[in-house]
Every structure is written in structure tokens, then in C-alpha cells.
Amino acid sequence: MQVKKLDLNRYNNIVVFTGAGVSAPSGVPTFRGDDGYWNTVDVQKYMSADSFNKYPEESWEIINKLKTVIEAAKPNSIHDLLSRVGGTIITQNIDGFHQKAGSANVIEYHDNIHSVLCTECTFSQADYPGIICPECGSGLRPGVTLFNESPHFDSEYRAKRAMRGCDLFLVIGTSGKVTSLSTFLRAAQFENSYRIMINMDHNDYEQYFDESYTGPAQDILPVLLGVSG
């Protein structure tokens, strides 16, 4: 597989769309696929929109285990390289690693695992200790997008605005099983963006990209960008 060097200077509005495969080299598990994290969890029961009312302790135990993994990890070379690309990063990831690596314009499409929301009132706060709302006494839940939920309006609005005039659409580390990829791919096609995908495995979306590379992004991306990792 020969990777062609990309001339970033040719593009004025770059959008990078990242999935769990970007954080996998940091030790954060991917969520779907054969070895996905959600295969070990009854997601419909414990990770749906109403789980944190019905099963607060069990649901928070799952989230806190994942938070422990994320807090013990750190950004990897993919995050570092993408911080040099510029443009906008739309990420499905909830770990905050893009920001830690220095990327300035990041849209967390599924929010961040460190945010919490009240299930009843408007209370929200990052890293609040406890599972009971201090304002109304209702249960708290993580701010991330859960199963059977749509992304928060603000994240969706910002992401759709970022796609306007996009002339380079770079997709890295996503299986495409989450419908958001198809949404942004259609937007990229409408904008006539140049489209590049990097993923560990083949998927049905490859045919819609101008270039598609299969393998570790930490090996492919430095060659594509013409920089060292």
C-alpha cells in the first residue's frame, strides 16, 4: 500500500472526523466491533437514556470504569499529528485527548465523559463528585450521548456549520457503524470535498472516498502528512 503525501496548503477548510480507533493506541478501548467495549455491557439496559434513573449505581459503575481507563491514558502520536493539521476536528470520542494534544478547534460530537447532567433540572458541571444533583436531589448522569439519544443540539449545529465549504474531509479510526459518519460524508460529497479515510479494517464506506488506507493510523498518517510522528 503506497501512501501519497498530502499537500495541506491546497485546502482552505479542513475537517477531520475521528472515531475510537484514534484513541485505541492510547489504551482506550474501541466501543464496537468484535472486541468492542460495549460487547461486555448490556448497553440497552445500563447505557440508554433512562438507565441512570432506573439503575444509577450499575450505570455509574460502567462509566466510572471507563473514566478510570481514560484518566490513566494520554494522547498518542495520532492526536499530536492532527494538532498540526489545523482546521476543525469533529470527534466521536469522549476522552478529551485532541484538546490535550493541542488541537484548538474540536467539536466533541458525543460530548465528554467528564461532564455530568441532572436527569431532571438544568444542573451541569464537569467532574462533579457524586451521583445526586446538589440543586434538586435527582439523579445525575454523564453528559455524553447515550444509546437511543441524538447528539446535543449545540454539537450538531457546530459540526454541520464546520462542513460548510469543507474542501478536505479526513476520516480516521471509525467503523462507520455510528450513523454520524454517513451524515458528514453526505455533507462532504455535497461540498465536493476531497475525501480520505484511514481505518484499521475495510468497511462499506471506502468506495465513497478519493483515497482509502487500511492499517494503523499512527503509521499511515505521518507519511500522508509528510511529517515525523
Protein backbone atom coordinates (compact mmCIF):
# COMPACT_ATOMS: atom_id res chain seq x y z
CA MET A 1 0.00 0.00 0.00
CA GLN A 2 1.53 3.26 -1.15
CA VAL A 3 0.52 6.35 0.79
CA LYS A 4 0.56 9.60 -1.16
CA LYS A 5 1.80 12.73 0.58
CA LEU A 6 -0.96 15.27 1.09
CA ASP A 7 -0.35 18.97 0.40
CA LEU A 8 -2.36 20.70 3.13
CA ASN A 9 -1.63 24.10 1.59
CA ARG A 10 -4.10 23.30 -1.18
CA TYR A 11 -7.03 23.34 1.23
CA ASN A 12 -8.77 26.19 3.00
CA ASN A 13 -11.37 24.40 5.14
CA ILE A 14 -10.16 21.08 6.53
CA VAL A 15 -12.45 18.89 8.59
CA VAL A 16 -11.11 15.81 10.37
CA PHE A 17 -13.63 13.26 11.64
CA THR A 18 -12.23 10.86 14.27
CA GLY A 19 -13.53 7.72 15.93
CA ALA A 20 -12.46 5.35 18.67
CA GLY A 21 -9.60 3.92 16.61
CA VAL A 22 -7.69 7.17 17.13
CA SER A 23 -7.60 6.66 20.91
CA ALA A 24 -7.08 2.88 20.80
CA PRO A 25 -3.24 3.20 20.70
CA SER A 26 -3.54 5.17 23.97
CA GLY A 27 -5.14 2.13 25.61
CA VAL A 28 -8.73 3.36 25.45
CA PRO A 29 -10.94 0.52 24.16
CA THR A 30 -12.96 0.87 21.00
CA PHE A 31 -16.68 0.54 21.56
CA ARG A 32 -17.94 -1.51 18.64
CA GLY A 33 -16.65 -4.39 16.57
CA ASP A 34 -15.55 -7.84 17.68
CA ASP A 35 -13.51 -6.58 20.64
CA GLY A 36 -15.64 -3.55 21.39
CA TYR A 37 -16.21 -2.32 24.93
CA TRP A 38 -19.98 -2.38 24.51
CA ASN A 39 -19.87 -6.12 23.83
CA THR A 40 -19.17 -6.60 27.53
CA VAL A 41 -22.06 -4.40 28.68
CA ASP A 42 -25.83 -4.65 28.41
CA VAL A 43 -25.99 -1.27 26.73
CA GLN A 44 -29.75 -1.16 26.25
CA LYS A 45 -30.28 -1.73 29.96
CA TYR A 46 -27.47 0.26 31.53
CA MET A 47 -26.34 2.81 28.94
CA SER A 48 -29.58 4.14 27.48
CA ALA A 49 -31.17 7.49 28.16
CA ASP A 50 -33.23 6.36 31.16
CA SER A 51 -30.67 3.99 32.71
CA PHE A 52 -29.40 6.50 35.24
CA ASN A 53 -32.86 6.77 36.74
CA LYS A 54 -33.58 3.04 36.81
CA TYR A 55 -30.12 1.62 37.57
CA PRO A 56 -27.96 4.52 38.80
CA GLU A 57 -25.33 2.51 40.67
CA GLU A 58 -24.82 -0.08 37.92
CA SER A 59 -24.77 2.53 35.17
CA TRP A 60 -22.33 4.77 37.00
CA GLU A 61 -20.09 1.79 37.74
CA ILE A 62 -19.73 1.19 33.99
CA ILE A 63 -18.99 4.86 33.30
CA ASN A 64 -16.52 5.14 36.17
CA LYS A 65 -14.59 2.09 34.99
CA LEU A 66 -14.25 3.71 31.59
CA LYS A 67 -13.23 7.03 33.19
CA THR A 68 -10.50 5.23 35.12
CA VAL A 69 -9.09 3.84 31.88
CA ILE A 70 -9.21 7.25 30.18
CA GLU A 71 -7.65 9.08 33.12
CA ALA A 72 -4.75 6.62 33.15
CA ALA A 73 -4.11 7.15 29.42
CA LYS A 74 -2.77 10.08 27.44
CA PRO A 75 -2.85 11.36 23.84
CA ASN A 76 -0.83 9.40 21.30
CA SER A 77 1.03 10.31 18.11
CA ILE A 78 -2.18 10.46 16.07
CA HIS A 79 -3.57 13.19 18.31
CA ASP A 80 -0.26 15.02 18.16
CA LEU A 81 -0.10 14.87 14.36
CA LEU A 82 -3.69 16.03 13.96
CA SER A 83 -2.96 19.05 16.14
CA ARG A 84 -0.65 20.20 13.32
CA VAL A 85 -3.27 19.84 10.61
CA GLY A 86 -5.42 22.73 11.76
CA GLY A 87 -8.99 23.10 10.60
CA THR A 88 -11.80 21.56 12.61
CA ILE A 89 -11.85 18.19 14.35
CA ILE A 90 -15.23 16.55 14.78
CA THR A 91 -14.73 13.64 17.14
CA GLN A 92 -16.97 10.85 18.32
CA ASN A 93 -14.52 10.30 21.18
CA ILE A 94 -15.34 11.37 24.72
CA ASP A 95 -11.83 11.40 26.22
CA GLY A 96 -10.69 14.98 25.51
CA PHE A 97 -7.34 13.82 24.06
CA HIS A 98 -7.50 16.08 20.99
CA GLN A 99 -7.59 19.15 23.23
CA LYS A 100 -4.82 17.79 25.45
CA ALA A 101 -2.67 17.30 22.35
CA GLY A 102 -3.14 20.94 21.40
CA SER A 103 -5.92 20.96 18.82
CA ALA A 104 -7.71 24.28 19.12
CA ASN A 105 -10.98 23.73 17.26
CA VAL A 106 -12.54 20.48 18.48
CA ILE A 107 -16.22 19.58 18.35
CA GLU A 108 -16.99 16.73 20.75
CA TYR A 109 -19.94 15.29 18.88
CA HIS A 110 -20.83 12.95 21.75
CA ASP A 111 -19.64 15.33 24.49
CA ASN A 112 -17.05 14.45 27.15
CA ILE A 113 -17.02 11.70 29.75
CA HIS A 114 -16.08 14.21 32.46
CA SER A 115 -19.29 16.21 32.12
CA VAL A 116 -22.39 15.43 34.19
CA LEU A 117 -26.04 16.46 33.81
CA CYS A 118 -29.06 16.27 36.08
CA THR A 119 -31.77 13.93 34.86
CA GLU A 120 -34.45 16.46 35.88
CA CYS A 121 -33.16 20.04 36.19
CA THR A 122 -30.61 22.14 34.30
CA PHE A 123 -27.61 21.44 36.55
CA SER A 124 -24.45 20.54 34.65
CA GLN A 125 -20.82 20.52 35.69
CA ALA A 126 -17.55 18.88 34.78
CA ASP A 127 -16.11 16.32 37.19
CA TYR A 128 -18.82 16.76 39.81
CA PRO A 129 -18.32 14.13 42.58
CA GLY A 130 -21.41 12.09 43.33
CA ILE A 131 -24.49 10.85 41.53
CA ILE A 132 -27.14 13.08 43.17
CA CYS A 133 -27.91 16.58 41.90
CA PRO A 134 -26.95 19.22 44.50
CA GLU A 135 -29.73 21.52 43.28
CA CYS A 136 -32.83 19.31 43.07
CA GLY A 137 -31.83 15.97 44.57
CA SER A 138 -32.49 13.98 41.38
CA GLY A 139 -30.04 11.54 39.88
CA LEU A 140 -27.10 12.68 37.79
CA ARG A 141 -25.97 11.16 34.52
CA PRO A 142 -22.92 11.66 32.33
CA GLY A 143 -23.20 14.38 29.74
CA VAL A 144 -22.15 12.04 26.93
CA THR A 145 -24.62 10.97 24.27
CA LEU A 146 -26.15 7.69 25.41
CA PHE A 147 -27.86 4.94 23.44
CA ASN A 148 -31.19 5.96 21.92
CA GLU A 149 -30.16 9.63 22.13
CA SER A 150 -29.26 12.16 19.48
CA PRO A 151 -26.17 14.36 19.87
CA HIS A 152 -26.69 17.59 21.76
CA PHE A 153 -28.10 20.39 19.60
CA ASP A 154 -25.06 22.65 20.04
CA SER A 155 -22.59 19.94 18.96
CA GLU A 156 -24.69 19.00 15.94
CA TYR A 157 -25.15 22.64 14.91
CA ARG A 158 -21.43 23.43 15.16
CA ALA A 159 -20.47 20.28 13.27
CA LYS A 160 -22.85 20.99 10.42
CA ARG A 161 -21.56 24.57 10.19
CA ALA A 162 -17.99 23.26 10.07
CA MET A 163 -18.84 21.19 7.00
CA ARG A 164 -19.89 24.26 5.01
CA GLY A 165 -17.23 24.89 2.42
CA CYS A 166 -15.19 21.87 3.53
CA ASP A 167 -12.65 21.10 0.81
CA LEU A 168 -10.75 18.31 2.61
CA PHE A 169 -12.57 15.69 4.66
CA LEU A 170 -10.24 13.33 6.52
CA VAL A 171 -11.80 10.38 8.38
CA ILE A 172 -9.69 8.36 10.83
CA GLY A 173 -10.41 5.40 13.07
CA THR A 174 -14.13 4.78 12.77
CA SER A 175 -16.01 1.65 11.75
CA GLY A 176 -18.84 3.70 10.29
CA LYS A 177 -21.40 1.84 12.38
CA VAL A 178 -22.46 5.08 14.05
CA THR A 179 -24.76 6.96 11.70
CA SER A 180 -22.98 10.29 12.16
CA LEU A 181 -20.30 9.27 9.64
CA SER A 182 -22.86 8.85 6.87
CA THR A 183 -24.31 12.26 7.73
CA PHE A 184 -20.98 14.05 7.38
CA LEU A 185 -19.94 12.00 4.37
CA ARG A 186 -23.05 13.19 2.54
CA ALA A 187 -22.18 16.77 3.51
CA ALA A 188 -18.63 16.28 2.21
CA GLN A 189 -19.97 14.92 -1.07
CA PHE A 190 -22.33 17.89 -1.39
CA GLU A 191 -19.39 20.27 -0.82
CA ASN A 192 -17.30 18.32 -3.35
CA SER A 193 -14.63 17.81 -0.69
CA TYR A 194 -11.56 15.71 -1.32
CA ARG A 195 -12.18 12.69 0.90
CA ILE A 196 -9.60 10.46 2.61
CA MET A 197 -10.24 7.57 5.01
CA ILE A 198 -7.77 5.78 7.30
CA ASN A 199 -9.08 2.78 9.20
CA MET A 200 -7.76 -0.46 10.65
CA ASP A 201 -10.29 -2.57 8.75
CA HIS A 202 -12.10 -2.38 5.45
CA ASN A 203 -15.66 -1.08 5.53
CA ASP A 204 -18.53 -0.26 3.19
CA TYR A 205 -17.70 3.46 3.12
CA GLU A 206 -14.37 3.14 1.31
CA GLN A 207 -15.99 3.36 -2.11
CA TYR A 208 -17.11 6.92 -1.37
CA PHE A 209 -13.59 8.23 -0.66
CA ASP A 210 -10.98 9.50 -3.09
CA GLU A 211 -8.28 7.73 -1.10
CA SER A 212 -8.66 4.94 1.44
CA TYR A 213 -5.90 3.40 3.54
CA THR A 214 -6.22 0.30 5.69
CA GLY A 215 -3.84 -0.10 8.61
CA PRO A 216 -2.62 1.65 11.77
CA ALA A 217 -3.23 5.39 11.57
CA GLN A 218 -0.11 6.03 13.64
CA ASP A 219 1.92 4.58 10.72
CA ILE A 220 -0.09 5.95 7.80
CA LEU A 221 -0.74 9.49 8.97
CA PRO A 222 2.92 10.62 9.23
CA VAL A 223 3.52 9.53 5.63
CA LEU A 224 0.29 11.16 4.45
CA LEU A 225 1.21 14.45 6.13
CA GLY A 226 4.91 14.22 5.31
CA VAL A 227 5.96 14.73 8.93
CA SER A 228 7.54 12.67 11.67
CA GLY A 229 5.32 11.14 14.40
